[in-house]
N, C-alpha and C. Protein backbone atom coordinates (compact mmCIF):
# COMPACT_ATOMS: atom_id res chain seq x y z
N UNK A 1 10.13 24.20 45.18
CA UNK A 1 10.26 25.13 46.29
C UNK A 1 10.24 24.31 47.58
N UNK A 2 11.18 24.62 48.44
CA UNK A 2 11.26 23.91 49.72
C UNK A 2 10.18 24.41 50.67
N UNK A 3 9.91 23.62 51.69
CA UNK A 3 8.92 24.03 52.70
C UNK A 3 9.38 25.29 53.42
N UNK A 4 10.68 25.39 53.69
CA UNK A 4 11.19 26.57 54.36
C UNK A 4 11.00 27.81 53.48
N UNK A 5 11.27 27.71 52.18
CA UNK A 5 11.08 28.83 51.28
C UNK A 5 9.62 29.22 51.21
N UNK A 6 8.73 28.26 51.22
CA UNK A 6 7.29 28.55 51.18
C UNK A 6 6.88 29.34 52.43
N UNK A 7 7.42 28.98 53.58
CA UNK A 7 7.13 29.71 54.82
C UNK A 7 7.69 31.13 54.73
N UNK A 8 8.91 31.28 54.26
CA UNK A 8 9.53 32.60 54.11
C UNK A 8 8.70 33.45 53.17
N UNK A 9 8.29 32.90 52.04
CA UNK A 9 7.47 33.64 51.07
C UNK A 9 6.16 34.10 51.71
N UNK A 10 5.52 33.20 52.45
CA UNK A 10 4.24 33.54 53.08
C UNK A 10 4.43 34.63 54.13
N UNK A 11 5.51 34.54 54.88
CA UNK A 11 5.81 35.56 55.89
C UNK A 11 6.01 36.92 55.24
N UNK A 12 6.74 36.95 54.10
CA UNK A 12 6.95 38.23 53.39
C UNK A 12 5.63 38.78 52.85
N UNK A 13 4.77 37.91 52.37
CA UNK A 13 3.44 38.37 51.88
C UNK A 13 2.65 38.98 53.03
N UNK A 14 2.68 38.34 54.20
CA UNK A 14 1.94 38.86 55.35
C UNK A 14 2.53 40.17 55.84
N UNK A 15 3.87 40.32 55.77
CA UNK A 15 4.50 41.58 56.14
C UNK A 15 4.06 42.70 55.19
N UNK A 16 3.99 42.39 53.91
CA UNK A 16 3.52 43.37 52.93
C UNK A 16 2.06 43.74 53.19
N UNK A 17 1.24 42.75 53.51
CA UNK A 17 -0.16 43.03 53.83
C UNK A 17 -0.28 43.94 55.06
N UNK A 18 0.58 43.69 56.06
CA UNK A 18 0.61 44.55 57.24
C UNK A 18 1.01 45.98 56.90
N UNK A 19 2.01 46.13 56.03
CA UNK A 19 2.46 47.48 55.60
C UNK A 19 1.32 48.18 54.85
N UNK A 20 0.63 47.46 53.99
CA UNK A 20 -0.51 48.01 53.23
C UNK A 20 -1.59 48.50 54.19
N UNK A 21 -1.94 47.66 55.15
CA UNK A 21 -2.98 48.01 56.12
C UNK A 21 -2.56 49.20 56.97
N UNK A 22 -1.32 49.20 57.45
CA UNK A 22 -0.82 50.30 58.25
C UNK A 22 -0.84 51.62 57.50
N UNK A 23 -0.41 51.59 56.26
CA UNK A 23 -0.40 52.81 55.43
C UNK A 23 -1.83 53.33 55.27
N UNK A 24 -2.77 52.44 55.06
CA UNK A 24 -4.17 52.87 54.93
C UNK A 24 -4.73 53.42 56.21
N UNK A 25 -4.48 52.74 57.33
CA UNK A 25 -5.00 53.20 58.62
C UNK A 25 -4.38 54.53 59.03
N UNK A 26 -3.12 54.75 58.65
CA UNK A 26 -2.46 56.00 59.00
C UNK A 26 -2.77 57.11 57.96
N UNK A 27 -3.58 56.77 56.98
CA UNK A 27 -3.98 57.71 55.92
C UNK A 27 -2.74 58.22 55.15
N UNK A 28 -1.74 57.35 55.02
CA UNK A 28 -0.52 57.67 54.29
C UNK A 28 -0.67 57.11 52.87
N UNK A 29 -1.45 57.80 52.04
CA UNK A 29 -1.79 57.32 50.72
C UNK A 29 -0.59 57.24 49.78
N UNK A 30 0.37 58.13 49.95
CA UNK A 30 1.58 58.06 49.13
C UNK A 30 2.35 56.76 49.41
N UNK A 31 2.48 56.42 50.69
CA UNK A 31 3.17 55.17 51.08
C UNK A 31 2.39 53.97 50.58
N UNK A 32 1.08 53.99 50.69
CA UNK A 32 0.26 52.89 50.21
C UNK A 32 0.46 52.71 48.70
N UNK A 33 0.38 53.78 47.94
CA UNK A 33 0.54 53.69 46.49
C UNK A 33 1.93 53.21 46.11
N UNK A 34 2.93 53.55 46.91
CA UNK A 34 4.30 53.17 46.63
C UNK A 34 4.53 51.66 46.78
N UNK A 35 3.60 50.95 47.41
CA UNK A 35 3.71 49.51 47.56
C UNK A 35 3.42 48.79 46.25
N UNK A 36 2.87 49.51 45.28
CA UNK A 36 2.54 48.94 43.96
C UNK A 36 3.60 49.34 42.96
N UNK A 37 3.78 48.54 41.92
CA UNK A 37 4.65 48.92 40.81
C UNK A 37 3.98 50.05 40.04
N UNK A 38 4.74 50.72 39.19
CA UNK A 38 4.20 51.85 38.41
C UNK A 38 2.95 51.44 37.62
N UNK A 39 2.94 50.22 37.10
CA UNK A 39 1.81 49.77 36.29
C UNK A 39 0.91 48.79 37.06
N UNK A 40 1.05 48.80 38.39
CA UNK A 40 0.25 47.89 39.23
C UNK A 40 -1.24 48.21 39.16
N UNK A 41 -2.03 47.21 39.44
CA UNK A 41 -3.48 47.35 39.45
C UNK A 41 -4.02 46.80 40.77
N UNK A 42 -4.89 47.56 41.40
CA UNK A 42 -5.54 47.12 42.65
C UNK A 42 -7.02 46.94 42.32
N UNK A 43 -7.47 45.70 42.48
CA UNK A 43 -8.87 45.37 42.21
C UNK A 43 -9.56 44.98 43.51
N UNK A 44 -10.78 45.49 43.67
CA UNK A 44 -11.65 45.09 44.78
C UNK A 44 -12.92 44.58 44.14
N UNK A 45 -12.95 43.30 43.76
CA UNK A 45 -14.09 42.77 42.99
C UNK A 45 -15.42 42.94 43.67
N UNK A 46 -15.50 42.73 44.98
CA UNK A 46 -16.77 42.84 45.68
C UNK A 46 -17.37 44.22 45.65
N UNK A 47 -16.53 45.25 45.43
CA UNK A 47 -17.01 46.63 45.35
C UNK A 47 -17.01 47.13 43.92
N UNK A 48 -16.64 46.25 42.98
CA UNK A 48 -16.55 46.62 41.57
C UNK A 48 -15.64 47.83 41.36
N UNK A 49 -14.47 47.78 42.00
CA UNK A 49 -13.50 48.89 41.96
C UNK A 49 -12.20 48.39 41.37
N UNK A 50 -11.59 49.22 40.52
CA UNK A 50 -10.27 48.91 39.97
C UNK A 50 -9.48 50.21 39.83
N UNK A 51 -8.28 50.22 40.37
CA UNK A 51 -7.37 51.36 40.24
C UNK A 51 -6.13 50.88 39.51
N UNK A 52 -5.68 51.61 38.49
CA UNK A 52 -4.52 51.21 37.69
C UNK A 52 -3.45 52.28 37.76
N UNK A 53 -2.24 51.88 38.19
CA UNK A 53 -1.13 52.81 38.31
C UNK A 53 -1.14 53.51 39.66
N UNK A 54 0.05 53.91 40.09
CA UNK A 54 0.18 54.52 41.42
C UNK A 54 -0.67 55.78 41.62
N UNK A 55 -0.72 56.64 40.62
CA UNK A 55 -1.49 57.87 40.77
C UNK A 55 -2.98 57.57 40.97
N UNK A 56 -3.51 56.63 40.18
CA UNK A 56 -4.91 56.27 40.30
C UNK A 56 -5.17 55.56 41.62
N UNK A 57 -4.26 54.71 42.05
CA UNK A 57 -4.40 54.01 43.33
C UNK A 57 -4.40 55.03 44.46
N UNK A 58 -3.48 55.98 44.43
CA UNK A 58 -3.41 56.99 45.50
C UNK A 58 -4.68 57.82 45.55
N UNK A 59 -5.18 58.27 44.41
CA UNK A 59 -6.40 59.08 44.38
C UNK A 59 -7.61 58.24 44.77
N UNK A 60 -7.65 56.99 44.32
CA UNK A 60 -8.79 56.13 44.62
C UNK A 60 -8.90 55.79 46.09
N UNK A 61 -7.79 55.47 46.71
CA UNK A 61 -7.84 55.10 48.12
C UNK A 61 -8.22 56.32 48.96
N UNK A 62 -7.83 57.49 48.57
CA UNK A 62 -8.23 58.69 49.30
C UNK A 62 -9.74 58.89 49.18
N UNK A 63 -10.30 58.65 47.99
CA UNK A 63 -11.75 58.76 47.80
C UNK A 63 -12.49 57.74 48.65
N UNK A 64 -11.90 56.57 48.84
CA UNK A 64 -12.55 55.50 49.59
C UNK A 64 -12.26 55.51 51.08
N UNK A 65 -11.61 56.55 51.58
CA UNK A 65 -11.17 56.55 52.98
C UNK A 65 -12.30 56.34 53.97
N UNK A 66 -13.49 56.76 53.62
CA UNK A 66 -14.62 56.56 54.54
C UNK A 66 -14.96 55.09 54.73
N UNK A 67 -14.61 54.25 53.77
CA UNK A 67 -14.89 52.83 53.86
C UNK A 67 -13.69 52.04 54.38
N UNK A 68 -12.55 52.72 54.56
CA UNK A 68 -11.31 52.02 54.87
C UNK A 68 -11.38 51.23 56.17
N UNK A 69 -11.92 51.82 57.24
CA UNK A 69 -11.98 51.12 58.52
C UNK A 69 -12.79 49.84 58.40
N UNK A 70 -13.93 49.91 57.73
CA UNK A 70 -14.74 48.71 57.52
C UNK A 70 -13.97 47.68 56.71
N UNK A 71 -13.32 48.13 55.64
CA UNK A 71 -12.56 47.25 54.76
C UNK A 71 -11.49 46.50 55.55
N UNK A 72 -10.71 47.21 56.33
CA UNK A 72 -9.63 46.57 57.09
C UNK A 72 -10.18 45.60 58.13
N UNK A 73 -11.25 45.99 58.82
CA UNK A 73 -11.83 45.10 59.84
C UNK A 73 -12.39 43.84 59.20
N UNK A 74 -12.83 43.93 57.96
CA UNK A 74 -13.43 42.79 57.28
C UNK A 74 -12.39 41.84 56.71
N UNK A 75 -11.28 42.36 56.19
CA UNK A 75 -10.34 41.49 55.48
C UNK A 75 -8.98 41.34 56.15
N UNK A 76 -8.66 42.13 57.16
CA UNK A 76 -7.32 42.01 57.76
C UNK A 76 -7.13 40.66 58.39
N UNK A 77 -6.00 40.00 58.14
CA UNK A 77 -5.80 38.63 58.61
C UNK A 77 -5.39 38.51 60.05
N UNK A 78 -5.19 39.60 60.75
CA UNK A 78 -4.69 39.49 62.11
C UNK A 78 -3.18 39.37 62.12
N UNK A 79 -2.64 38.66 63.08
CA UNK A 79 -1.20 38.55 63.19
C UNK A 79 -0.74 37.16 62.73
N UNK A 80 0.52 37.08 62.41
CA UNK A 80 1.13 35.82 62.02
C UNK A 80 2.01 35.35 63.18
N UNK A 81 1.89 34.08 63.51
CA UNK A 81 2.69 33.51 64.58
C UNK A 81 3.49 32.35 64.00
N UNK A 82 4.76 32.30 64.35
CA UNK A 82 5.60 31.18 63.90
C UNK A 82 5.67 30.15 65.02
N UNK A 83 5.28 28.92 64.69
CA UNK A 83 5.31 27.81 65.64
C UNK A 83 6.16 26.71 65.03
N UNK A 84 7.41 26.65 65.45
CA UNK A 84 8.32 25.68 64.84
C UNK A 84 8.56 26.06 63.40
N UNK A 85 8.21 25.17 62.48
CA UNK A 85 8.40 25.45 61.07
C UNK A 85 7.06 25.80 60.38
N UNK A 86 6.08 26.24 61.17
CA UNK A 86 4.76 26.56 60.63
C UNK A 86 4.39 28.01 60.95
N UNK A 87 3.89 28.72 59.94
CA UNK A 87 3.37 30.07 60.14
C UNK A 87 1.85 29.95 60.28
N UNK A 88 1.29 30.52 61.36
CA UNK A 88 -0.14 30.41 61.61
C UNK A 88 -0.74 31.80 61.79
N UNK A 89 -1.96 31.97 61.36
CA UNK A 89 -2.70 33.22 61.53
C UNK A 89 -4.15 33.01 61.11
N UNK A 90 -4.91 34.07 61.17
CA UNK A 90 -6.31 33.99 60.77
C UNK A 90 -6.38 33.69 59.29
N UNK A 91 -7.10 32.71 58.89
CA UNK A 91 -7.21 32.33 57.49
C UNK A 91 -8.37 33.07 56.84
N UNK A 92 -8.13 33.56 55.62
CA UNK A 92 -9.13 34.30 54.89
C UNK A 92 -9.85 33.40 53.89
N UNK A 93 -11.04 33.84 53.52
CA UNK A 93 -11.76 33.18 52.45
C UNK A 93 -11.23 33.63 51.10
N UNK A 94 -11.99 33.45 50.07
CA UNK A 94 -11.53 33.79 48.71
C UNK A 94 -11.58 35.26 48.38
N UNK A 95 -12.21 36.10 49.23
CA UNK A 95 -12.33 37.53 48.96
C UNK A 95 -11.33 38.33 49.76
N UNK A 96 -10.05 38.05 49.63
CA UNK A 96 -9.04 38.80 50.34
C UNK A 96 -8.17 39.57 49.37
N UNK A 97 -7.33 40.42 49.92
CA UNK A 97 -6.45 41.26 49.13
C UNK A 97 -5.48 40.40 48.37
């Protein structure tokens, strides 16, 4: 994989993370669930939570809406900035989405 492709891939991952966060903040649970494949699984190990499949993900995120603001403030990476051939942003630890 070229360095340019690695940057493009990382940028697409960050765009998806932004879409995920926006859907959650806007309480658009259908849009959030649609970001997963039909058999996708969303795990939140620190909370001992696992949702499997779009229907379960949609229902689960709605149940967890009271914790959503805290969750986003704790794990959201901020913005991505492109500086030449480098993508820069807030770096996360091992407990990220």
